[in-house]
C-alpha cells in the first residue's frame, strides 16, 4: 500500500486533481553570436563570455549553470561572464547545445 492509497483511505471524499508540470524557464535567444574570449589576469587564465543582449537575470542563470556544470569558480560582472580557467571549448559546446551561436575570439 503506497502513500496515495493510504490517503484515499483516510480521506475518501477527496478528489485527486491533476497538476501540470512546471514549464522550464526559457532563455531569450539572440541573433548576434556570444563572444568567448581567453585572457590572463595576474598570471592566471580566465574565460570571458560577452555579447549577450537579453535579460540580466537570464544571463545570471546561465552563469550559474556553466559554473556548476564545469565545477569551476566565476562571476557575472559588467554584463560579462568570467570563468576561472581556460574552458573555451567546453563552454562553447555547452552554449551551442543550448542553441546559442558562439564565436571564439583570440588565440
C-alpha atoms as a PDB file:
ATOM      1  CA  UNK A   1       0.000   0.000   0.000  1.00  0.00           C
ATOM      2  CA  UNK A   2       1.611   3.232  -1.085  1.00  0.00           C
ATOM      3  CA  UNK A   3       1.071   6.712   0.292  1.00  0.00           C
ATOM      4  CA  UNK A   4      -1.625   7.551  -2.242  1.00  0.00           C
ATOM      5  CA  UNK A   5      -3.741   4.538  -1.197  1.00  0.00           C
ATOM      6  CA  UNK A   6      -3.331   5.418   2.471  1.00  0.00           C
ATOM      7  CA  UNK A   7      -4.506   8.964   1.812  1.00  0.00           C
ATOM      8  CA  UNK A   8      -7.553   7.647  -0.075  1.00  0.00           C
ATOM      9  CA  UNK A   9      -8.436   5.501   2.957  1.00  0.00           C
ATOM     10  CA  UNK A  10      -8.099   8.481   5.307  1.00  0.00           C
ATOM     11  CA  UNK A  11      -9.944  10.953   3.075  1.00  0.00           C
ATOM     12  CA  UNK A  12     -12.429   9.037   0.877  1.00  0.00           C
ATOM     13  CA  UNK A  13     -14.308  12.205  -0.253  1.00  0.00           C
ATOM     14  CA  UNK A  14     -11.207  13.934  -1.571  1.00  0.00           C
ATOM     15  CA  UNK A  15     -10.974  14.209  -5.353  1.00  0.00           C
ATOM     16  CA  UNK A  16      -7.490  13.971  -6.773  1.00  0.00           C
ATOM     17  CA  UNK A  17      -6.579  16.748  -9.194  1.00  0.00           C
ATOM     18  CA  UNK A  18      -4.060  16.597 -11.966  1.00  0.00           C
ATOM     19  CA  UNK A  19      -1.205  19.051 -11.624  1.00  0.00           C
ATOM     20  CA  UNK A  20       0.561  20.317 -14.688  1.00  0.00           C
ATOM     21  CA  UNK A  21       4.318  20.025 -14.759  1.00  0.00           C
ATOM     22  CA  UNK A  22       6.012  23.390 -14.308  1.00  0.00           C
ATOM     23  CA  UNK A  23       7.362  24.799 -17.532  1.00  0.00           C
ATOM     24  CA  UNK A  24      11.105  25.073 -17.833  1.00  0.00           C
ATOM     25  CA  UNK A  25      12.255  28.674 -17.883  1.00  0.00           C
ATOM     26  CA  UNK A  26      13.202  29.778 -21.343  1.00  0.00           C
ATOM     27  CA  UNK A  27      16.249  31.875 -22.062  1.00  0.00           C
ATOM     28  CA  UNK A  28      15.858  34.525 -24.721  1.00  0.00           C
ATOM     29  CA  UNK A  29      17.894  33.639 -27.795  1.00  0.00           C
ATOM     30  CA  UNK A  30      19.656  36.313 -29.779  1.00  0.00           C
ATOM     31  CA  UNK A  31      20.795  36.835 -33.337  1.00  0.00           C
ATOM     32  CA  UNK A  32      24.368  38.026 -32.696  1.00  0.00           C
ATOM     33  CA  UNK A  33      26.811  35.351 -31.505  1.00  0.00           C
ATOM     34  CA  UNK A  34      28.216  35.298 -27.974  1.00  0.00           C
ATOM     35  CA  UNK A  35      31.918  36.067 -27.845  1.00  0.00           C
ATOM     36  CA  UNK A  36      34.109  33.582 -25.971  1.00  0.00           C
ATOM     37  CA  UNK A  37      37.484  35.165 -25.086  1.00  0.00           C
ATOM     38  CA  UNK A  38      40.603  33.979 -23.302  1.00  0.00           C
ATOM     39  CA  UNK A  39      42.666  36.310 -21.135  1.00  0.00           C
ATOM     40  CA  UNK A  40      45.241  36.186 -18.408  1.00  0.00           C
ATOM     41  CA  UNK A  41      44.762  38.346 -15.345  1.00  0.00           C
ATOM     42  CA  UNK A  42      47.521  38.410 -12.735  1.00  0.00           C
ATOM     43  CA  UNK A  43      49.093  35.445 -14.494  1.00  0.00           C
ATOM     44  CA  UNK A  44      46.017  33.245 -14.238  1.00  0.00           C
ATOM     45  CA  UNK A  45      43.868  32.174 -17.201  1.00  0.00           C
ATOM     46  CA  UNK A  46      40.207  33.198 -17.419  1.00  0.00           C
ATOM     47  CA  UNK A  47      37.463  32.706 -19.974  1.00  0.00           C
ATOM     48  CA  UNK A  48      35.127  35.623 -20.697  1.00  0.00           C
ATOM     49  CA  UNK A  49      31.719  35.311 -22.356  1.00  0.00           C
ATOM     50  CA  UNK A  50      30.425  38.594 -23.700  1.00  0.00           C
ATOM     51  CA  UNK A  51      27.829  39.939 -26.109  1.00  0.00           C
ATOM     52  CA  UNK A  52      24.521  38.781 -24.576  1.00  0.00           C
ATOM     53  CA  UNK A  53      21.685  41.217 -25.282  1.00  0.00           C
ATOM     54  CA  UNK A  54      18.862  39.588 -23.314  1.00  0.00           C
ATOM     55  CA  UNK A  55      17.703  39.983 -19.736  1.00  0.00           C
ATOM     56  CA  UNK A  56      20.308  40.195 -16.987  1.00  0.00           C
ATOM     57  CA  UNK A  57      18.552  37.538 -14.893  1.00  0.00           C
ATOM     58  CA  UNK A  58      18.764  35.039 -17.750  1.00  0.00           C
ATOM     59  CA  UNK A  59      22.478  35.719 -18.127  1.00  0.00           C
ATOM     60  CA  UNK A  60      22.976  35.215 -14.375  1.00  0.00           C
ATOM     61  CA  UNK A  61      21.164  31.860 -14.592  1.00  0.00           C
ATOM     62  CA  UNK A  62      23.402  30.903 -17.497  1.00  0.00           C
ATOM     63  CA  UNK A  63      26.448  31.873 -15.402  1.00  0.00           C
ATOM     64  CA  UNK A  64      25.352  29.641 -12.557  1.00  0.00           C
ATOM     65  CA  UNK A  65      24.646  26.747 -14.897  1.00  0.00           C
ATOM     66  CA  UNK A  66      28.076  26.998 -16.541  1.00  0.00           C
ATOM     67  CA  UNK A  67      29.819  27.168 -13.171  1.00  0.00           C
ATOM     68  CA  UNK A  68      28.001  24.144 -11.778  1.00  0.00           C
ATOM     69  CA  UNK A  69      28.387  22.093 -14.963  1.00  0.00           C
ATOM     70  CA  UNK A  70      32.133  22.681 -15.154  1.00  0.00           C
ATOM     71  CA  UNK A  71      32.656  22.745 -11.348  1.00  0.00           C
ATOM     72  CA  UNK A  72      34.670  25.949 -11.529  1.00  0.00           C
ATOM     73  CA  UNK A  73      34.571  29.393  -9.978  1.00  0.00           C
ATOM     74  CA  UNK A  74      33.484  32.501 -11.754  1.00  0.00           C
ATOM     75  CA  UNK A  75      31.315  35.573 -11.603  1.00  0.00           C
ATOM     76  CA  UNK A  76      28.964  37.845 -13.509  1.00  0.00           C
ATOM     77  CA  UNK A  77      30.254  41.418 -13.773  1.00  0.00           C
ATOM     78  CA  UNK A  78      29.636  44.291 -16.177  1.00  0.00           C
ATOM     79  CA  UNK A  79      27.373  42.224 -18.477  1.00  0.00           C
ATOM     80  CA  UNK A  80      30.111  39.562 -18.843  1.00  0.00           C
ATOM     81  CA  UNK A  81      30.542  36.041 -17.520  1.00  0.00           C
ATOM     82  CA  UNK A  82      34.018  35.474 -16.119  1.00  0.00           C
ATOM     83  CA  UNK A  83      35.047  31.829 -15.591  1.00  0.00           C
ATOM     84  CA  UNK A  84      38.291  30.841 -13.853  1.00  0.00           C
ATOM     85  CA  UNK A  85      40.483  28.784 -16.181  1.00  0.00           C
ATOM     86  CA  UNK A  86      40.657  28.124 -19.914  1.00  0.00           C
ATOM     87  CA  UNK A  87      37.383  26.306 -20.666  1.00  0.00           C
ATOM     88  CA  UNK A  88      36.595  27.826 -24.058  1.00  0.00           C
ATOM     89  CA  UNK A  89      35.971  24.527 -25.844  1.00  0.00           C
ATOM     90  CA  UNK A  90      33.679  23.121 -23.146  1.00  0.00           C
ATOM     91  CA  UNK A  91      31.778  26.388 -22.716  1.00  0.00           C
ATOM     92  CA  UNK A  92      31.309  26.809 -26.449  1.00  0.00           C
ATOM     93  CA  UNK A  93      29.989  23.251 -26.741  1.00  0.00           C
ATOM     94  CA  UNK A  94      27.613  23.788 -23.810  1.00  0.00           C
ATOM     95  CA  UNK A  95      26.277  27.044 -25.271  1.00  0.00           C
ATOM     96  CA  UNK A  96      25.835  25.522 -28.731  1.00  0.00           C
ATOM     97  CA  UNK A  97      23.825  22.656 -27.220  1.00  0.00           C
ATOM     98  CA  UNK A  98      21.548  25.284 -25.665  1.00  0.00           C
ATOM     99  CA  UNK A  99      21.034  26.901 -29.083  1.00  0.00           C
ATOM    100  CA  UNK A 100      23.347  29.902 -28.852  1.00  0.00           C
ATOM    101  CA  UNK A 101      25.669  30.986 -31.634  1.00  0.00           C
ATOM    102  CA  UNK A 102      29.195  31.252 -30.252  1.00  0.00           C
ATOM    103  CA  UNK A 103      32.260  32.875 -31.736  1.00  0.00           C
ATOM    104  CA  UNK A 104      35.780  32.194 -30.474  1.00  0.00           C
ATOM    105  CA  UNK A 105      37.860  35.351 -30.084  1.00  0.00           C
ATOM    106  CA  UNK A 106      41.631  35.379 -29.586  1.00  0.00           C
ATOM    107  CA  UNK A 107      44.259  32.598 -29.671  1.00  0.00           C
END
